[in-house]
C-alpha atoms as a PDB file:
ATOM      1  CA  MET A   1     -73.076  18.862  60.281  1.00  0.00           C
ATOM      2  CA  THR A   2     -69.376  19.663  59.772  1.00  0.00           C
ATOM      3  CA  THR A   3     -68.158  23.092  60.841  1.00  0.00           C
ATOM      4  CA  SER A   4     -65.210  24.786  59.150  1.00  0.00           C
ATOM      5  CA  LEU A   5     -62.620  26.948  60.878  1.00  0.00           C
ATOM      6  CA  ALA A   6     -64.080  30.043  59.232  1.00  0.00           C
ATOM      7  CA  GLU A   7     -67.597  29.159  60.377  1.00  0.00           C
ATOM      8  CA  ALA A   8     -66.469  28.403  63.928  1.00  0.00           C
ATOM      9  CA  LEU A   9     -64.606  31.686  64.040  1.00  0.00           C
ATOM     10  CA  GLY A  10     -67.610  33.630  62.752  1.00  0.00           C
ATOM     11  CA  ASP A  11     -69.890  32.043  65.346  1.00  0.00           C
ATOM     12  CA  ALA A  12     -67.390  32.796  68.119  1.00  0.00           C
ATOM     13  CA  ALA A  13     -67.154  36.456  67.092  1.00  0.00           C
ATOM     14  CA  ARG A  14     -70.953  36.726  67.012  1.00  0.00           C
ATOM     15  CA  ARG A  15     -71.268  35.357  70.548  1.00  0.00           C
ATOM     16  CA  LEU A  16     -68.644  37.752  71.866  1.00  0.00           C
ATOM     17  CA  ARG A  17     -70.294  40.688  70.106  1.00  0.00           C
ATOM     18  CA  GLN A  18     -73.622  39.830  71.713  1.00  0.00           C
ATOM     19  CA  ALA A  19     -71.892  39.702  75.113  1.00  0.00           C
ATOM     20  CA  GLY A  20     -70.606  43.261  74.685  1.00  0.00           C
ATOM     21  CA  VAL A  21     -66.945  42.360  74.224  1.00  0.00           C
ATOM     22  CA  GLU A  22     -64.927  45.022  72.417  1.00  0.00           C
ATOM     23  CA  ALA A  23     -63.088  43.859  69.279  1.00  0.00           C
ATOM     24  CA  PRO A  24     -64.984  40.530  69.189  1.00  0.00           C
ATOM     25  CA  ALA A  25     -63.468  39.336  65.904  1.00  0.00           C
ATOM     26  CA  ARG A  26     -59.918  39.922  67.146  1.00  0.00           C
ATOM     27  CA  GLU A  27     -60.531  38.180  70.450  1.00  0.00           C
ATOM     28  CA  ALA A  28     -62.272  35.264  68.749  1.00  0.00           C
ATOM     29  CA  ARG A  29     -59.189  34.798  66.557  1.00  0.00           C
ATOM     30  CA  LEU A  30     -56.872  34.895  69.585  1.00  0.00           C
ATOM     31  CA  LEU A  31     -58.929  32.337  71.483  1.00  0.00           C
ATOM     32  CA  ALA A  32     -59.314  30.097  68.456  1.00  0.00           C
ATOM     33  CA  GLY A  33     -55.590  30.265  67.765  1.00  0.00           C
ATOM     34  CA  ALA A  34     -54.899  29.216  71.348  1.00  0.00           C
ATOM     35  CA  VAL A  35     -57.215  26.212  71.530  1.00  0.00           C
ATOM     36  CA  LEU A  36     -57.486  24.825  67.972  1.00  0.00           C
ATOM     37  CA  SER A  37     -54.996  22.516  66.296  1.00  0.00           C
ATOM     38  CA  GLY A  38     -52.572  24.385  64.070  1.00  0.00           C
ATOM     39  CA  GLY A  39     -52.814  27.595  66.057  1.00  0.00           C
ATOM     40  CA  SER A  40     -53.251  31.020  64.519  1.00  0.00           C
ATOM     41  CA  ALA A  41     -51.505  30.035  61.288  1.00  0.00           C
ATOM     42  CA  ALA A  42     -54.254  27.545  60.459  1.00  0.00           C
ATOM     43  CA  LEU A  43     -56.907  30.265  60.669  1.00  0.00           C
ATOM     44  CA  ILE A  44     -55.206  32.098  57.816  1.00  0.00           C
ATOM     45  CA  ALA A  45     -53.860  29.228  55.749  1.00  0.00           C
ATOM     46  CA  HIS A  46     -56.762  26.771  55.972  1.00  0.00           C
ATOM     47  CA  PRO A  47     -60.029  28.504  56.908  1.00  0.00           C
ATOM     48  CA  GLU A  48     -61.955  25.730  55.159  1.00  0.00           C
ATOM     49  CA  ARG A  49     -60.521  22.966  57.400  1.00  0.00           C
ATOM     50  CA  PRO A  50     -63.182  21.062  59.354  1.00  0.00           C
ATOM     51  CA  VAL A  51     -63.233  21.506  63.130  1.00  0.00           C
ATOM     52  CA  ASP A  52     -63.665  18.200  64.981  1.00  0.00           C
ATOM     53  CA  ALA A  53     -65.883  17.707  68.018  1.00  0.00           C
ATOM     54  CA  ASP A  54     -63.078  18.007  70.583  1.00  0.00           C
ATOM     55  CA  GLU A  55     -61.784  21.236  69.041  1.00  0.00           C
ATOM     56  CA  LYS A  56     -65.295  22.666  68.875  1.00  0.00           C
ATOM     57  CA  ALA A  57     -65.850  21.840  72.559  1.00  0.00           C
ATOM     58  CA  ARG A  58     -62.576  23.530  73.559  1.00  0.00           C
ATOM     59  CA  LEU A  59     -63.430  26.641  71.585  1.00  0.00           C
ATOM     60  CA  ASP A  60     -66.967  26.721  72.990  1.00  0.00           C
ATOM     61  CA  ARG A  61     -65.603  26.611  76.546  1.00  0.00           C
ATOM     62  CA  ALA A  62     -63.138  29.418  75.878  1.00  0.00           C
ATOM     63  CA  ILE A  63     -65.772  31.588  74.191  1.00  0.00           C
ATOM     64  CA  ALA A  64     -68.256  30.959  77.020  1.00  0.00           C
ATOM     65  CA  ARG A  65     -65.688  32.170  79.551  1.00  0.00           C
ATOM     66  CA  ARG A  66     -64.985  35.312  77.552  1.00  0.00           C
ATOM     67  CA  ALA A  67     -68.699  35.936  76.944  1.00  0.00           C
ATOM     68  CA  ALA A  68     -69.065  35.899  80.750  1.00  0.00           C
ATOM     69  CA  ARG A  69     -66.525  38.769  80.614  1.00  0.00           C
ATOM     70  CA  GLU A  70     -63.648  36.847  82.129  1.00  0.00           C
ATOM     71  CA  PRO A  71     -60.529  38.719  80.954  1.00  0.00           C
ATOM     72  CA  LEU A  72     -58.919  37.419  77.799  1.00  0.00           C
ATOM     73  CA  SER A  73     -55.567  37.318  79.602  1.00  0.00           C
ATOM     74  CA  HIS A  74     -56.949  34.951  82.257  1.00  0.00           C
ATOM     75  CA  ILE A  75     -58.209  32.536  79.616  1.00  0.00           C
ATOM     76  CA  LEU A  76     -54.928  32.667  77.683  1.00  0.00           C
ATOM     77  CA  GLY A  77     -52.933  32.726  80.926  1.00  0.00           C
ATOM     78  CA  ARG A  78     -50.676  35.541  79.789  1.00  0.00           C
ATOM     79  CA  ARG A  79     -50.476  39.267  79.099  1.00  0.00           C
ATOM     80  CA  GLU A  80     -47.783  41.271  77.333  1.00  0.00           C
ATOM     81  CA  PHE A  81     -46.173  44.172  79.180  1.00  0.00           C
ATOM     82  CA  TRP A  82     -43.148  46.160  77.992  1.00  0.00           C
ATOM     83  CA  SER A  83     -42.936  43.614  75.118  1.00  0.00           C
ATOM     84  CA  LEU A  84     -42.450  40.796  77.649  1.00  0.00           C
ATOM     85  CA  PRO A  85     -44.853  37.895  78.282  1.00  0.00           C
ATOM     86  CA  PHE A  86     -46.231  37.699  81.822  1.00  0.00           C
ATOM     87  CA  ALA A  87     -48.270  34.880  83.294  1.00  0.00           C
ATOM     88  CA  VAL A  88     -51.411  36.256  84.946  1.00  0.00           C
ATOM     89  CA  SER A  89     -54.477  34.978  86.763  1.00  0.00           C
ATOM     90  CA  GLY A  90     -57.257  36.267  88.966  1.00  0.00           C
ATOM     91  CA  HIS A  91     -54.722  36.569  91.796  1.00  0.00           C
ATOM     92  CA  VAL A  92     -52.942  39.587  90.276  1.00  0.00           C
ATOM     93  CA  LEU A  93     -53.841  42.837  88.605  1.00  0.00           C
ATOM     94  CA  ASP A  94     -53.674  42.563  84.834  1.00  0.00           C
ATOM     95  CA  PRO A  95     -50.612  44.469  83.550  1.00  0.00           C
ATOM     96  CA  ARG A  96     -51.817  47.477  81.589  1.00  0.00           C
ATOM     97  CA  PRO A  97     -50.147  49.709  78.998  1.00  0.00           C
ATOM     98  CA  ASP A  98     -50.813  52.722  81.265  1.00  0.00           C
ATOM     99  CA  SER A  99     -48.333  51.306  83.778  1.00  0.00           C
ATOM    100  CA  GLU A 100     -45.557  51.286  81.184  1.00  0.00           C
ATOM    101  CA  THR A 101     -45.398  55.022  81.894  1.00  0.00           C
ATOM    102  CA  LEU A 102     -43.577  54.145  85.140  1.00  0.00           C
ATOM    103  CA  ILE A 103     -40.967  52.096  83.284  1.00  0.00           C
ATOM    104  CA  ALA A 104     -40.305  54.864  80.763  1.00  0.00           C
ATOM    105  CA  ALA A 105     -40.030  57.456  83.548  1.00  0.00           C
ATOM    106  CA  ALA A 106     -37.671  55.256  85.561  1.00  0.00           C
ATOM    107  CA  LEU A 107     -35.376  54.707  82.595  1.00  0.00           C
ATOM    108  CA  ASP A 108     -35.319  58.436  81.903  1.00  0.00           C
ATOM    109  CA  ALA A 109     -34.104  58.977  85.470  1.00  0.00           C
ATOM    110  CA  VAL A 110     -31.188  56.540  85.160  1.00  0.00           C
ATOM    111  CA  ALA A 111     -27.929  58.139  84.055  1.00  0.00           C
ATOM    112  CA  ASP A 112     -26.047  54.840  83.665  1.00  0.00           C
ATOM    113  CA  ARG A 113     -28.061  51.766  82.733  1.00  0.00           C
ATOM    114  CA  ALA A 114     -25.051  49.558  83.466  1.00  0.00           C
ATOM    115  CA  ALA A 115     -24.912  50.668  87.108  1.00  0.00           C
ATOM    116  CA  ALA A 116     -25.571  48.207  89.943  1.00  0.00           C
ATOM    117  CA  LEU A 117     -28.819  49.837  91.031  1.00  0.00           C
ATOM    118  CA  ARG A 118     -31.133  48.566  93.778  1.00  0.00           C
ATOM    119  CA  LEU A 119     -34.828  48.469  92.837  1.00  0.00           C
ATOM    120  CA  LEU A 120     -37.931  48.096  94.993  1.00  0.00           C
ATOM    121  CA  ASP A 121     -41.430  47.277  93.728  1.00  0.00           C
ATOM    122  CA  LEU A 122     -44.121  47.710  96.384  1.00  0.00           C
ATOM    123  CA  GLY A 123     -47.314  45.760  95.697  1.00  0.00           C
ATOM    124  CA  THR A 124     -45.547  43.792  92.982  1.00  0.00           C
ATOM    125  CA  GLY A 125     -48.447  41.585  91.834  1.00  0.00           C
ATOM    126  CA  SER A 126     -47.304  39.760  88.689  1.00  0.00           C
ATOM    127  CA  GLY A 127     -43.873  41.378  89.066  1.00  0.00           C
ATOM    128  CA  CYS A 128     -44.314  43.213  85.772  1.00  0.00           C
ATOM    129  CA  LEU A 129     -42.871  46.560  86.908  1.00  0.00           C
ATOM    130  CA  LEU A 130     -39.796  45.130  88.609  1.00  0.00           C
ATOM    131  CA  LEU A 131     -39.050  42.542  85.940  1.00  0.00           C
ATOM    132  CA  ALA A 132     -39.572  44.922  83.025  1.00  0.00           C
ATOM    133  CA  LEU A 133     -37.103  47.341  84.591  1.00  0.00           C
ATOM    134  CA  LEU A 134     -34.585  44.598  85.381  1.00  0.00           C
ATOM    135  CA  SER A 135     -34.735  43.550  81.720  1.00  0.00           C
ATOM    136  CA  GLU A 136     -33.447  47.025  80.794  1.00  0.00           C
ATOM    137  CA  LEU A 137     -30.868  47.354  83.598  1.00  0.00           C
ATOM    138  CA  PRO A 138     -28.502  44.362  83.350  1.00  0.00           C
ATOM    139  CA  ALA A 139     -26.540  45.032  86.566  1.00  0.00           C
ATOM    140  CA  ALA A 140     -29.522  45.962  88.735  1.00  0.00           C
ATOM    141  CA  THR A 141     -31.118  43.804  91.426  1.00  0.00           C
ATOM    142  CA  GLY A 142     -34.538  44.194  92.952  1.00  0.00           C
ATOM    143  CA  ILE A 143     -37.056  43.222  95.602  1.00  0.00           C
ATOM    144  CA  GLY A 144     -40.770  42.811  94.957  1.00  0.00           C
ATOM    145  CA  VAL A 145     -43.120  43.002  97.946  1.00  0.00           C
ATOM    146  CA  ASP A 146     -46.719  41.845  98.061  1.00  0.00           C
ATOM    147  CA  LEU A 147     -49.196  40.924 100.762  1.00  0.00           C
ATOM    148  CA  ALA A 148     -50.756  38.057  98.758  1.00  0.00           C
ATOM    149  CA  PRO A 149     -48.862  34.726  98.691  1.00  0.00           C
ATOM    150  CA  ALA A 150     -50.581  33.728  95.422  1.00  0.00           C
ATOM    151  CA  ALA A 151     -49.327  36.893  93.752  1.00  0.00           C
ATOM    152  CA  LEU A 152     -45.779  36.189  94.925  1.00  0.00           C
ATOM    153  CA  ARG A 153     -45.913  32.694  93.411  1.00  0.00           C
ATOM    154  CA  ILE A 154     -46.885  34.192  90.064  1.00  0.00           C
ATOM    155  CA  ALA A 155     -44.169  36.868  90.278  1.00  0.00           C
ATOM    156  CA  ARG A 156     -41.487  34.270  91.051  1.00  0.00           C
ATOM    157  CA  ALA A 157     -42.651  32.124  88.136  1.00  0.00           C
ATOM    158  CA  ASN A 158     -42.492  35.124  85.813  1.00  0.00           C
ATOM    159  CA  ALA A 159     -38.972  35.907  86.988  1.00  0.00           C
ATOM    160  CA  ARG A 160     -37.863  32.343  86.231  1.00  0.00           C
ATOM    161  CA  ARG A 161     -39.580  32.329  82.840  1.00  0.00           C
ATOM    162  CA  LEU A 162     -37.905  35.604  81.846  1.00  0.00           C
ATOM    163  CA  GLY A 163     -34.471  34.509  83.075  1.00  0.00           C
ATOM    164  CA  LEU A 164     -34.387  37.186  85.783  1.00  0.00           C
ATOM    165  CA  ALA A 165     -34.753  35.069  88.935  1.00  0.00           C
ATOM    166  CA  ALA A 166     -31.098  35.523  89.908  1.00  0.00           C
ATOM    167  CA  ARG A 167     -31.604  39.276  90.219  1.00  0.00           C
ATOM    168  CA  ALA A 168     -35.140  39.423  91.609  1.00  0.00           C
ATOM    169  CA  THR A 169     -36.234  38.564  95.153  1.00  0.00           C
ATOM    170  CA  PHE A 170     -39.872  38.438  96.194  1.00  0.00           C
ATOM    171  CA  ARG A 171     -41.083  38.621  99.772  1.00  0.00           C
ATOM    172  CA  ARG A 172     -44.364  38.880 101.599  1.00  0.00           C
ATOM    173  CA  GLY A 173     -44.904  42.189 103.327  1.00  0.00           C
ATOM    174  CA  ASP A 174     -47.121  45.189 103.977  1.00  0.00           C
ATOM    175  CA  TRP A 175     -45.657  47.890 101.755  1.00  0.00           C
ATOM    176  CA  GLY A 176     -42.224  48.933 103.082  1.00  0.00           C
ATOM    177  CA  GLU A 177     -42.582  47.672 106.635  1.00  0.00           C
ATOM    178  CA  GLY A 178     -39.600  45.616 107.756  1.00  0.00           C
ATOM    179  CA  LEU A 179     -37.422  46.486 104.771  1.00  0.00           C
ATOM    180  CA  ALA A 180     -33.832  47.478 105.454  1.00  0.00           C
ATOM    181  CA  GLY A 181     -31.479  49.514 103.336  1.00  0.00           C
ATOM    182  CA  ARG A 182     -32.139  52.065 100.624  1.00  0.00           C
ATOM    183  CA  PHE A 183     -33.110  51.783  96.988  1.00  0.00           C
ATOM    184  CA  ASP A 184     -32.221  53.778  93.895  1.00  0.00           C
ATOM    185  CA  LEU A 185     -35.625  53.306  92.247  1.00  0.00           C
ATOM    186  CA  ILE A 186     -38.878  52.607  94.070  1.00  0.00           C
ATOM    187  CA  LEU A 187     -41.905  51.716  91.959  1.00  0.00           C
ATOM    188  CA  CYS A 188     -45.469  51.291  93.113  1.00  0.00           C
ATOM    189  CA  ASN A 189     -48.856  50.870  91.475  1.00  0.00           C
ATOM    190  CA  PRO A 190     -51.059  50.928  94.583  1.00  0.00           C
ATOM    191  CA  PRO A 191     -54.818  50.345  94.703  1.00  0.00           C
ATOM    192  CA  TYR A 192     -56.379  53.729  93.919  1.00  0.00           C
ATOM    193  CA  VAL A 193     -59.994  53.090  92.950  1.00  0.00           C
ATOM    194  CA  PRO A 194     -62.508  54.486  95.486  1.00  0.00           C
ATOM    195  CA  SER A 195     -64.321  51.571  97.126  1.00  0.00           C
ATOM    196  CA  ALA A 196     -67.762  52.630  95.934  1.00  0.00           C
ATOM    197  CA  ALA A 197     -66.570  52.966  92.328  1.00  0.00           C
ATOM    198  CA  ILE A 198     -65.361  49.377  91.910  1.00  0.00           C
ATOM    199  CA  ALA A 199     -68.814  47.991  91.120  1.00  0.00           C
ATOM    200  CA  GLY A 200     -69.104  50.427  88.210  1.00  0.00           C
ATOM    201  CA  LEU A 201     -65.890  49.297  86.522  1.00  0.00           C
ATOM    202  CA  ALA A 202     -65.879  47.014  83.487  1.00  0.00           C
ATOM    203  CA  PRO A 203     -66.973  43.473  84.411  1.00  0.00           C
ATOM    204  CA  GLU A 204     -63.510  42.167  83.529  1.00  0.00           C
ATOM    205  CA  VAL A 205     -62.104  44.309  86.328  1.00  0.00           C
ATOM    206  CA  ALA A 206     -64.905  44.446  88.889  1.00  0.00           C
ATOM    207  CA  HIS A 207     -65.676  40.713  88.850  1.00  0.00           C
ATOM    208  CA  TYR A 208     -62.344  39.074  88.070  1.00  0.00           C
ATOM    209  CA  GLU A 209     -59.434  41.149  89.349  1.00  0.00           C
ATOM    210  CA  PRO A 210     -58.399  40.979  93.027  1.00  0.00           C
ATOM    211  CA  ARG A 211     -60.135  43.597  95.132  1.00  0.00           C
ATOM    212  CA  LEU A 212     -56.959  43.907  97.190  1.00  0.00           C
ATOM    213  CA  SER A 213     -55.261  45.349  94.090  1.00  0.00           C
ATOM    214  CA  LEU A 214     -58.088  47.771  93.295  1.00  0.00           C
ATOM    215  CA  ASP A 215     -59.611  49.130  96.489  1.00  0.00           C
ATOM    216  CA  GLY A 216     -58.039  52.406  97.542  1.00  0.00           C
ATOM    217  CA  GLY A 217     -60.486  53.088 100.361  1.00  0.00           C
ATOM    218  CA  PRO A 218     -63.363  55.583 100.453  1.00  0.00           C
ATOM    219  CA  ASP A 219     -61.519  58.271  98.460  1.00  0.00           C
ATOM    220  CA  GLY A 220     -59.012  56.065  96.629  1.00  0.00           C
ATOM    221  CA  LEU A 221     -56.082  57.570  98.547  1.00  0.00           C
ATOM    222  CA  ALA A 222     -55.713  55.244 101.543  1.00  0.00           C
ATOM    223  CA  CYS A 223     -52.613  53.443 100.250  1.00  0.00           C
ATOM    224  CA  TYR A 224     -50.797  56.679  99.412  1.00  0.00           C
ATOM    225  CA  ARG A 225     -51.294  57.760 103.029  1.00  0.00           C
ATOM    226  CA  LEU A 226     -49.692  54.509 104.188  1.00  0.00           C
ATOM    227  CA  LEU A 227     -46.842  54.739 101.692  1.00  0.00           C
ATOM    228  CA  ALA A 228     -45.862  58.376 102.129  1.00  0.00           C
ATOM    229  CA  PRO A 229     -44.220  58.105 105.592  1.00  0.00           C
ATOM    230  CA  GLN A 230     -42.152  55.097 104.461  1.00  0.00           C
ATOM    231  CA  LEU A 231     -40.619  56.416 101.271  1.00  0.00           C
ATOM    232  CA  ASP A 232     -37.992  58.817 102.601  1.00  0.00           C
ATOM    233  CA  ARG A 233     -36.187  56.186 104.688  1.00  0.00           C
ATOM    234  CA  LEU A 234     -36.192  53.708 101.777  1.00  0.00           C
ATOM    235  CA  LEU A 235     -34.942  56.027  99.031  1.00  0.00           C
ATOM    236  CA  SER A 236     -31.225  56.457  98.310  1.00  0.00           C
ATOM    237  CA  PRO A 237     -29.823  59.979  97.874  1.00  0.00           C
ATOM    238  CA  GLY A 238     -30.409  60.950  94.263  1.00  0.00           C
ATOM    239  CA  GLY A 239     -32.949  58.160  93.833  1.00  0.00           C
ATOM    240  CA  ARG A 240     -36.458  58.294  92.424  1.00  0.00           C
ATOM    241  CA  VAL A 241     -39.892  57.128  93.523  1.00  0.00           C
ATOM    242  CA  LEU A 242     -42.372  56.384  90.732  1.00  0.00           C
ATOM    243  CA  LEU A 243     -46.020  56.150  91.755  1.00  0.00           C
ATOM    244  CA  GLU A 244     -48.925  55.320  89.499  1.00  0.00           C
ATOM    245  CA  ILE A 245     -52.001  57.484  90.095  1.00  0.00           C
ATOM    246  CA  GLY A 246     -55.558  57.760  88.861  1.00  0.00           C
ATOM    247  CA  HIS A 247     -56.046  60.336  86.120  1.00  0.00           C
ATOM    248  CA  ASP A 248     -57.673  62.823  88.542  1.00  0.00           C
ATOM    249  CA  GLN A 249     -55.502  62.216  91.608  1.00  0.00           C
ATOM    250  CA  ALA A 250     -52.307  64.185  90.931  1.00  0.00           C
ATOM    251  CA  ALA A 251     -53.107  67.113  93.212  1.00  0.00           C
ATOM    252  CA  ALA A 252     -54.476  64.980  96.048  1.00  0.00           C
ATOM    253  CA  VAL A 253     -51.574  62.516  96.014  1.00  0.00           C
ATOM    254  CA  GLY A 254     -49.134  65.406  95.666  1.00  0.00           C
ATOM    255  CA  ALA A 255     -50.563  66.983  98.825  1.00  0.00           C
ATOM    256  CA  ILE A 256     -50.169  63.725 100.759  1.00  0.00           C
ATOM    257  CA  LEU A 257     -46.563  63.267  99.668  1.00  0.00           C
ATOM    258  CA  GLY A 258     -45.706  66.901 100.169  1.00  0.00           C
ATOM    259  CA  ALA A 259     -47.052  66.795 103.729  1.00  0.00           C
ATOM    260  CA  ALA A 260     -44.725  63.847 104.385  1.00  0.00           C
ATOM    261  CA  GLY A 261     -41.748  66.098 103.605  1.00  0.00           C
ATOM    262  CA  LEU A 262     -40.728  64.440 100.368  1.00  0.00           C
ATOM    263  CA  GLY A 263     -38.776  66.287  97.689  1.00  0.00           C
ATOM    264  CA  ARG A 264     -39.659  67.705  94.297  1.00  0.00           C
ATOM    265  CA  ALA A 265     -42.072  65.801  92.105  1.00  0.00           C
ATOM    266  CA  SER A 266     -42.917  65.789  88.422  1.00  0.00           C
ATOM    267  CA  LEU A 267     -45.847  64.458  86.460  1.00  0.00           C
ATOM    268  CA  ARG A 268     -45.684  61.963  83.616  1.00  0.00           C
ATOM    269  CA  ARG A 269     -48.618  61.353  81.291  1.00  0.00           C
ATOM    270  CA  ASP A 270     -49.555  58.098  79.612  1.00  0.00           C
ATOM    271  CA  LEU A 271     -49.984  57.563  75.875  1.00  0.00           C
ATOM    272  CA  ALA A 272     -53.551  58.892  76.098  1.00  0.00           C
ATOM    273  CA  ASN A 273     -52.144  62.120  77.620  1.00  0.00           C
ATOM    274  CA  ARG A 274     -53.710  61.426  81.018  1.00  0.00           C
ATOM    275  CA  PRO A 275     -51.808  62.077  84.267  1.00  0.00           C
ATOM    276  CA  ARG A 276     -50.469  58.648  85.222  1.00  0.00           C
ATOM    277  CA  CYS A 277     -47.213  58.777  87.184  1.00  0.00           C
ATOM    278  CA  LEU A 278     -45.672  60.972  89.856  1.00  0.00           C
ATOM    279  CA  VAL A 279     -41.861  60.992  89.972  1.00  0.00           C
ATOM    280  CA  LEU A 280     -40.302  62.055  93.258  1.00  0.00           C
ATOM    281  CA  ALA A 281     -36.643  63.009  93.473  1.00  0.00           C
ATOM    282  CA  ALA A 282     -34.782  62.357  96.728  1.00  0.00           C
ATOM    283  CA  ALA A 283     -32.189  65.056  96.194  1.00  0.00           C
ATOM    284  CA  GLY A 284     -30.434  67.032  93.492  1.00  0.00           C
ATOM    285  CA  PRO A 285     -31.876  68.519  90.302  1.00  0.00           C
ATOM    286  CA  PRO A 286     -34.079  66.336  88.094  1.00  0.00           C
ATOM    287  CA  GLN A 287     -32.352  64.963  85.011  1.00  0.00           C
ATOM    288  CA  ARG A 288     -35.005  66.366  82.707  1.00  0.00           C
ATOM    289  CA  ARG A 289     -37.351  69.302  82.936  1.00  0.00           C
ATOM    290  CA  GLU A 290     -40.914  68.267  83.755  1.00  0.00           C
ATOM    291  CA  LYS A 291     -44.025  69.918  85.087  1.00  0.00           C
ATOM    292  CA  THR A 292     -43.874  70.536  88.828  1.00  0.00           C
ATOM    293  CA  ILE A 293     -46.834  69.246  90.812  1.00  0.00           C
ATOM    294  CA  TRP A 294     -45.932  70.784  94.150  1.00  0.00           C
ATOM    295  CA  LYS A 295     -43.189  72.801  95.728  1.00  0.00           C
ATOM    296  CA  ALA A 296     -42.731  73.987  99.292  1.00  0.00           C
ATOM    297  CA  GLY A 297     -46.005  72.386 100.340  1.00  0.00           C
ATOM    298  CA  ARG A 298     -48.144  74.152  97.725  1.00  0.00           C
ATOM    299  CA  THR A 299     -50.112  71.813  95.502  1.00  0.00           C
ATOM    300  CA  ARG A 300     -51.396  72.682  92.074  1.00  0.00           C
ATOM    301  CA  LEU A 301     -52.290  71.072  88.783  1.00  0.00           C
ATOM    302  CA  GLY A 302     -50.360  72.358  85.803  1.00  0.00           C
END
């Protein structure tokens, strides 16, 4: 029996719905557009077109992977971040819109976007934070550090694909250990999920994303404790550190950083109005007024 594009798409959406996938019709269209001849345009222009056996087999394989809750980005091999396409796999954390809060905060802290700034991305993963910022700062250069060699391969490939390889260097390392010099902007999205909470995350995260990028230790704060003593020596006078945090971690992370003797900090919220980023100033007044998280060692939520 011949199957049309419309029928194949309807069956794919039904299977994803039964598997508990959110927005099953949308994801079925994306997968079908990626694996069927003619791409997404054919789904709109010729829904009556028959799907041959090879196409049907390709679509069935893609839908089976997604129904097993493998992330859509892993099946497609890409994820958009800051309107840029990034290659991703199970070796790196999937870039998320929440993390764009760090890019917006960093750009707000830069007085001259044409300046030759030095950037540092600790735990770079796919390289999305460093490369997104380099795309906005044409004279800047940056270093991305990660402990996982597979992640570094993906980050380097993304830099080449985006035409930013000449200004981005990637090296294997354990946070800031062994780094020399100072940086104008330091970005970091460390693992901050408490170990015991990982199993309760969505299957796409718990089963397919690297535990190294998720596990923040028993209380989710282990990596902040490692980072805090390293930041002051790495940050240039007048520079900024931008740290992603869990939505309920602002006070706890603020206490850790404050105890390390770091300067003023402000809180940035994501598009859902959740606390998402702490911005630490090395010296001098902040360039915009924001809510203070701690001052003189006293921690509070605003």
